[in-house]
């Protein structure tokens, strides 16, 4: 389909492209909580341009056309584009998935912290140098910062369980969105619970109560659940290692942890998560964590 490059069309496209740049910048801010809203706005801009292009190539101008009719047509196009935006399975859903991949994890639920994790690390200059290599290899920068921050604790857990460190890092990354959606205490501080471990009646420590998504009969539903809280990330890794080592539900998990698929399927069979696609998601994130580790080596 050809597009008429009239001055108004070119000017409108220029404005929309500037809007796209601003929206793209907003979507990359950790903690913004705007991924889906950004996707809807991007889809709306696309639909508006599509409507203008269709009118430019299929409708002729006449003697009665003036500023008022052009304004009315523009308003109608905007209204129609908004009605066609945000439909289930539409373009916005595709944009959400793409933005989440670019941001390093399923960022449909982002954390409240706006600072880059790498900025707070003691080895920040080294992390920045490694970040360039991370970008060249296609890995999200936040993933590298997450791995660098927790690799020592994951290796200690590997020593006690026999489960490879990148398997453990991968599960922590999946459960916490690479640290972007950590479980928070009532005052907003971190619970340090990177593994989404629930606080059952046997738990005697601190508790964080938050809204989460559980799959009931295969259908995702929002529920309020109680999670364990720790004084440090190291404590969380140790508790996770104890859970996998001592719980009868996961007795075969460590034995089959020689592959990412075996480890992930063992956790799903043991009922670690209710998401029916948990094993597939975890396998992908583990492979990402392994690639990040190799990039850092």
Protein backbone atom coordinates (compact mmCIF):
# COMPACT_ATOMS: atom_id res chain seq x y z
CA UNK A 1 0.00 0.00 0.00
CA UNK A 2 1.45 3.37 -0.97
CA UNK A 3 1.30 6.31 1.42
CA UNK A 4 0.72 9.89 0.31
CA UNK A 5 3.53 12.05 1.67
CA UNK A 6 1.48 15.18 2.17
CA UNK A 7 2.92 17.82 4.54
CA UNK A 8 0.29 17.01 7.19
CA UNK A 9 1.01 13.29 7.00
CA UNK A 10 4.77 13.79 7.28
CA UNK A 11 4.33 16.22 10.16
CA UNK A 12 1.98 13.84 12.00
CA UNK A 13 4.36 10.96 11.50
CA UNK A 14 7.21 13.06 12.86
CA UNK A 15 5.21 13.90 15.98
CA UNK A 16 4.24 10.27 16.49
CA UNK A 17 7.82 9.10 16.08
CA UNK A 18 8.91 11.54 18.78
CA UNK A 19 6.13 10.15 20.96
CA UNK A 20 7.33 6.62 20.31
CA UNK A 21 10.85 7.58 21.39
CA UNK A 22 9.53 9.03 24.65
CA UNK A 23 7.38 5.96 25.30
CA UNK A 24 10.27 3.63 24.55
CA UNK A 25 12.41 5.51 27.07
CA UNK A 26 9.69 5.28 29.70
CA UNK A 27 9.24 1.55 29.18
CA UNK A 28 12.86 0.86 30.01
CA UNK A 29 12.76 2.45 33.46
CA UNK A 30 12.78 -0.29 36.13
CA UNK A 31 9.94 0.17 38.56
CA UNK A 32 7.83 2.29 36.20
CA UNK A 33 4.98 -0.22 36.15
CA UNK A 34 3.98 1.10 32.72
CA UNK A 35 4.78 -1.77 30.36
CA UNK A 36 1.19 -2.54 29.43
CA UNK A 37 0.20 1.11 29.31
CA UNK A 38 3.16 1.85 27.04
CA UNK A 39 2.16 -1.07 24.79
CA UNK A 40 -1.40 0.29 24.49
CA UNK A 41 -0.11 3.74 23.61
CA UNK A 42 2.25 2.31 21.01
CA UNK A 43 -0.60 0.33 19.49
CA UNK A 44 -2.83 3.42 19.49
CA UNK A 45 -0.17 5.45 17.68
CA UNK A 46 0.22 2.69 15.12
CA UNK A 47 -3.55 2.49 14.54
CA UNK A 48 -3.79 6.27 14.12
CA UNK A 49 -1.05 6.24 11.50
CA UNK A 50 -2.77 3.32 9.77
CA UNK A 51 -6.07 5.21 9.67
CA UNK A 52 -4.37 8.32 8.25
CA UNK A 53 -2.56 6.27 5.63
CA UNK A 54 -5.78 4.54 4.56
CA UNK A 55 -7.59 7.85 4.21
CA UNK A 56 -4.72 9.37 2.27
CA UNK A 57 -4.73 6.54 -0.29
CA UNK A 58 -8.46 5.81 -0.61
CA UNK A 59 -10.30 9.12 -0.14
CA UNK A 60 -10.15 12.13 -2.46
CA UNK A 61 -10.28 15.72 -1.26
CA UNK A 62 -13.11 18.01 -2.34
CA UNK A 63 -14.20 21.62 -2.44
CA UNK A 64 -15.97 21.32 0.91
CA UNK A 65 -12.84 20.14 2.71
CA UNK A 66 -11.47 22.67 5.20
CA UNK A 67 -9.80 22.91 8.58
CA UNK A 68 -12.97 21.97 10.41
CA UNK A 69 -13.57 18.79 8.39
CA UNK A 70 -9.94 17.80 8.77
CA UNK A 71 -10.21 18.28 12.54
CA UNK A 72 -13.38 16.19 12.66
CA UNK A 73 -11.76 13.43 10.60
CA UNK A 74 -8.70 13.46 12.88
CA UNK A 75 -10.88 13.19 15.99
CA UNK A 76 -12.82 10.31 14.43
CA UNK A 77 -9.57 8.52 13.57
CA UNK A 78 -8.36 8.95 17.15
CA UNK A 79 -11.62 7.59 18.57
CA UNK A 80 -11.61 4.58 16.23
CA UNK A 81 -7.98 3.81 17.00
CA UNK A 82 -8.69 3.87 20.75
CA UNK A 83 -11.61 1.46 20.29
CA UNK A 84 -9.37 -0.95 18.38
CA UNK A 85 -6.56 -0.73 20.95
CA UNK A 86 -5.98 -3.15 23.83
CA UNK A 87 -8.05 -6.03 22.47
CA UNK A 88 -7.05 -9.50 23.80
CA UNK A 89 -4.50 -11.14 21.54
CA UNK A 90 -3.92 -7.88 19.71
CA UNK A 91 -0.84 -5.88 18.87
CA UNK A 92 -0.46 -4.50 22.40
CA UNK A 93 -0.07 -8.03 23.81
CA UNK A 94 2.72 -8.68 21.31
CA UNK A 95 4.39 -5.39 22.27
CA UNK A 96 4.18 -6.29 25.99
CA UNK A 97 5.97 -9.57 25.36
CA UNK A 98 8.67 -7.83 23.31
CA UNK A 99 9.22 -5.12 25.94
CA UNK A 100 9.44 -7.75 28.67
CA UNK A 101 12.06 -9.68 26.72
CA UNK A 102 14.08 -6.50 26.16
CA UNK A 103 13.89 -5.62 29.85
CA UNK A 104 15.32 -9.01 30.82
CA UNK A 105 12.39 -10.84 32.41
CA UNK A 106 8.67 -11.07 32.49
CA UNK A 107 8.31 -7.48 33.60
CA UNK A 108 4.57 -7.49 33.75
CA UNK A 109 5.14 -6.95 37.49
CA UNK A 110 7.96 -4.52 38.12
CA UNK A 111 9.56 -3.64 41.44
CA UNK A 112 9.51 -0.29 43.17
CA UNK A 113 13.25 0.41 43.07
CA UNK A 114 14.31 2.76 40.27
CA UNK A 115 18.07 2.43 40.68
CA UNK A 116 20.16 0.08 38.58
CA UNK A 117 21.35 -2.90 40.68
CA UNK A 118 24.83 -2.57 39.19
CA UNK A 119 25.19 0.96 40.53
CA UNK A 120 25.13 -0.26 44.13
CA UNK A 121 27.74 -2.97 43.71
CA UNK A 122 31.25 -2.52 45.14
CA UNK A 123 32.71 -3.59 41.79
CA UNK A 124 30.73 -1.06 39.75
CA UNK A 125 33.54 -0.12 37.30
CA UNK A 126 34.15 -3.77 36.52
CA UNK A 127 30.41 -4.31 36.18
CA UNK A 128 30.14 -1.42 33.72
CA UNK A 129 32.93 -2.86 31.60
CA UNK A 130 31.26 -6.26 31.61
CA UNK A 131 27.94 -4.64 30.73
CA UNK A 132 29.29 -3.66 27.33
CA UNK A 133 30.14 -7.31 26.66
CA UNK A 134 26.71 -8.26 27.95
CA UNK A 135 25.01 -5.93 25.47
CA UNK A 136 27.12 -7.28 22.62
CA UNK A 137 26.04 -10.83 23.48
CA UNK A 138 22.37 -9.84 23.59
CA UNK A 139 21.92 -10.31 27.34
CA UNK A 140 19.97 -7.72 29.37
CA UNK A 141 22.23 -5.55 31.50
CA UNK A 142 20.09 -6.11 34.59
CA UNK A 143 20.58 -9.88 34.24
CA UNK A 144 24.35 -9.48 34.52
CA UNK A 145 24.06 -7.28 37.59
CA UNK A 146 21.75 -9.83 39.20
CA UNK A 147 24.10 -12.74 38.49
CA UNK A 148 27.12 -10.78 39.72
CA UNK A 149 25.35 -9.84 42.94
CA UNK A 150 24.18 -13.36 43.85
CA UNK A 151 26.73 -15.68 42.23
CA UNK A 152 28.72 -16.27 45.44
CA UNK A 153 25.58 -17.28 47.38
CA UNK A 154 24.49 -19.54 44.51
CA UNK A 155 27.88 -21.28 44.45
CA UNK A 156 27.65 -21.85 48.21
CA UNK A 157 24.21 -23.40 47.66
CA UNK A 158 25.69 -25.58 44.92
CA UNK A 159 28.32 -26.86 47.34
CA UNK A 160 25.63 -27.94 49.84
CA UNK A 161 23.06 -29.36 47.40
CA UNK A 162 24.95 -30.43 44.29
CA UNK A 163 22.60 -28.34 42.16
CA UNK A 164 24.53 -26.20 39.64
CA UNK A 165 24.78 -22.54 40.61
CA UNK A 166 23.28 -21.33 37.33
CA UNK A 167 20.19 -23.51 37.96
CA UNK A 168 19.75 -21.82 41.33
CA UNK A 169 20.41 -18.36 39.91
CA UNK A 170 17.92 -19.05 37.14
CA UNK A 171 15.18 -19.92 39.59
CA UNK A 172 15.91 -16.83 41.69
CA UNK A 173 15.79 -14.73 38.50
CA UNK A 174 12.48 -16.20 37.39
CA UNK A 175 10.82 -15.83 40.78
CA UNK A 176 12.02 -12.25 41.31
CA UNK A 177 12.06 -10.93 37.72
CA UNK A 178 15.88 -10.56 37.87
CA UNK A 179 15.40 -8.70 41.15
CA UNK A 180 12.95 -6.16 39.73
CA UNK A 181 9.85 -7.50 41.48
CA UNK A 182 11.09 -8.67 44.82
CA UNK A 183 8.55 -9.43 47.52
CA UNK A 184 8.27 -6.33 49.72
CA UNK A 185 7.64 -5.84 53.40
CA UNK A 186 4.79 -3.53 54.53
CA UNK A 187 7.26 -0.62 54.83
CA UNK A 188 8.51 -1.17 51.26
CA UNK A 189 11.81 -2.77 52.24
CA UNK A 190 12.93 -6.03 50.65
CA UNK A 191 12.01 -9.38 52.16
CA UNK A 192 15.15 -10.78 50.44
CA UNK A 193 12.94 -13.69 49.35
CA UNK A 194 14.17 -14.27 45.80
CA UNK A 195 12.62 -17.73 45.49
CA UNK A 196 8.97 -17.05 46.32
CA UNK A 197 9.00 -19.48 49.26
CA UNK A 198 5.68 -19.41 51.15
CA UNK A 199 5.45 -18.99 54.91
CA UNK A 200 3.61 -22.11 56.07
CA UNK A 201 2.54 -22.82 59.65
CA UNK A 202 5.97 -24.30 60.42
CA UNK A 203 7.76 -21.03 59.57
CA UNK A 204 8.76 -19.06 62.69
CA UNK A 205 10.54 -16.14 61.03
CA UNK A 206 9.40 -12.84 59.56
CA UNK A 207 6.55 -12.78 57.04
CA UNK A 208 5.63 -10.60 54.06
CA UNK A 209 2.00 -10.69 52.95
CA UNK A 210 1.44 -9.68 49.31
CA UNK A 211 -0.91 -10.19 46.38
CA UNK A 212 0.35 -12.75 43.88
CA UNK A 213 -0.87 -14.81 40.94
CA UNK A 214 -1.79 -18.46 41.49
CA UNK A 215 -3.13 -20.87 38.88
CA UNK A 216 -6.31 -22.54 40.11
CA UNK A 217 -7.58 -25.18 37.73
CA UNK A 218 -5.19 -23.80 35.13
CA UNK A 219 -6.69 -20.30 35.40
CA UNK A 220 -4.56 -17.43 36.79
CA UNK A 221 -6.11 -15.66 39.77
CA UNK A 222 -4.94 -12.94 42.15
CA UNK A 223 -4.67 -14.12 45.75
CA UNK A 224 -3.13 -12.85 48.97
CA UNK A 225 -0.34 -15.06 50.26
CA UNK A 226 2.22 -15.06 53.09
CA UNK A 227 5.90 -15.38 52.15
CA UNK A 228 9.02 -15.92 54.21
CA UNK A 229 11.23 -12.90 54.88
CA UNK A 230 14.96 -12.89 55.57
CA UNK A 231 17.60 -10.51 56.86
CA UNK A 232 19.83 -11.02 53.80
CA UNK A 233 19.93 -12.59 50.35
CA UNK A 234 22.51 -15.09 51.59
CA UNK A 235 20.01 -16.30 54.18
CA UNK A 236 17.42 -16.74 51.42
CA UNK A 237 19.79 -18.88 49.34
CA UNK A 238 20.58 -21.04 52.39
CA UNK A 239 16.90 -21.54 53.19
CA UNK A 240 16.19 -22.45 49.57
CA UNK A 241 19.01 -25.01 49.67
CA UNK A 242 17.58 -26.53 52.88
CA UNK A 243 14.13 -26.72 51.30
CA UNK A 244 15.35 -28.59 48.24
CA UNK A 245 17.58 -30.89 50.31
CA UNK A 246 15.22 -31.75 53.15
CA UNK A 247 11.69 -31.65 51.74
CA UNK A 248 10.36 -35.04 50.55
CA UNK A 249 8.57 -33.21 47.73
CA UNK A 250 11.89 -32.37 46.10
CA UNK A 251 13.88 -35.47 46.99
CA UNK A 252 14.48 -36.29 43.32
CA UNK A 253 15.12 -32.73 42.19
CA UNK A 254 18.82 -32.62 43.08
CA UNK A 255 19.35 -36.08 41.61
CA UNK A 256 18.02 -34.89 38.23
CA UNK A 257 19.62 -31.46 38.31
CA UNK A 258 22.36 -32.32 35.82
CA UNK A 259 20.28 -30.59 33.14
CA UNK A 260 18.16 -27.45 33.26
CA UNK A 261 15.16 -29.35 31.94
CA UNK A 262 15.49 -32.09 34.56
CA UNK A 263 15.81 -29.58 37.40
CA UNK A 264 12.87 -27.48 36.19
CA UNK A 265 10.58 -30.46 35.64
CA UNK A 266 11.51 -31.87 39.05
CA UNK A 267 10.42 -28.64 40.73
CA UNK A 268 7.17 -28.54 38.80
CA UNK A 269 6.35 -32.17 39.64
CA UNK A 270 7.07 -31.40 43.28
CA UNK A 271 4.50 -28.59 43.17
CA UNK A 272 6.91 -25.69 43.62
CA UNK A 273 4.67 -23.45 41.50
CA UNK A 274 1.09 -23.63 40.20
CA UNK A 275 1.90 -22.16 36.79
CA UNK A 276 1.45 -25.02 34.27
CA UNK A 277 4.24 -23.54 32.12
CA UNK A 278 6.66 -23.14 35.04
CA UNK A 279 9.16 -25.78 33.89
CA UNK A 280 9.44 -24.30 30.40
CA UNK A 281 9.84 -20.76 31.72
CA UNK A 282 12.44 -21.83 34.29
CA UNK A 283 14.44 -23.75 31.69
CA UNK A 284 14.68 -20.66 29.48
CA UNK A 285 15.75 -18.40 32.35
CA UNK A 286 18.35 -20.92 33.56
CA UNK A 287 19.88 -20.95 30.08
CA UNK A 288 19.98 -17.15 30.15
CA UNK A 289 21.72 -17.19 33.54
CA UNK A 290 24.29 -19.64 32.16
CA UNK A 291 24.99 -17.41 29.16
CA UNK A 292 25.43 -14.42 31.46
CA UNK A 293 27.90 -16.36 33.62
CA UNK A 294 29.91 -17.30 30.55
CA UNK A 295 29.94 -13.68 29.40
CA UNK A 296 31.33 -12.61 32.78
CA UNK A 297 34.03 -15.30 32.87
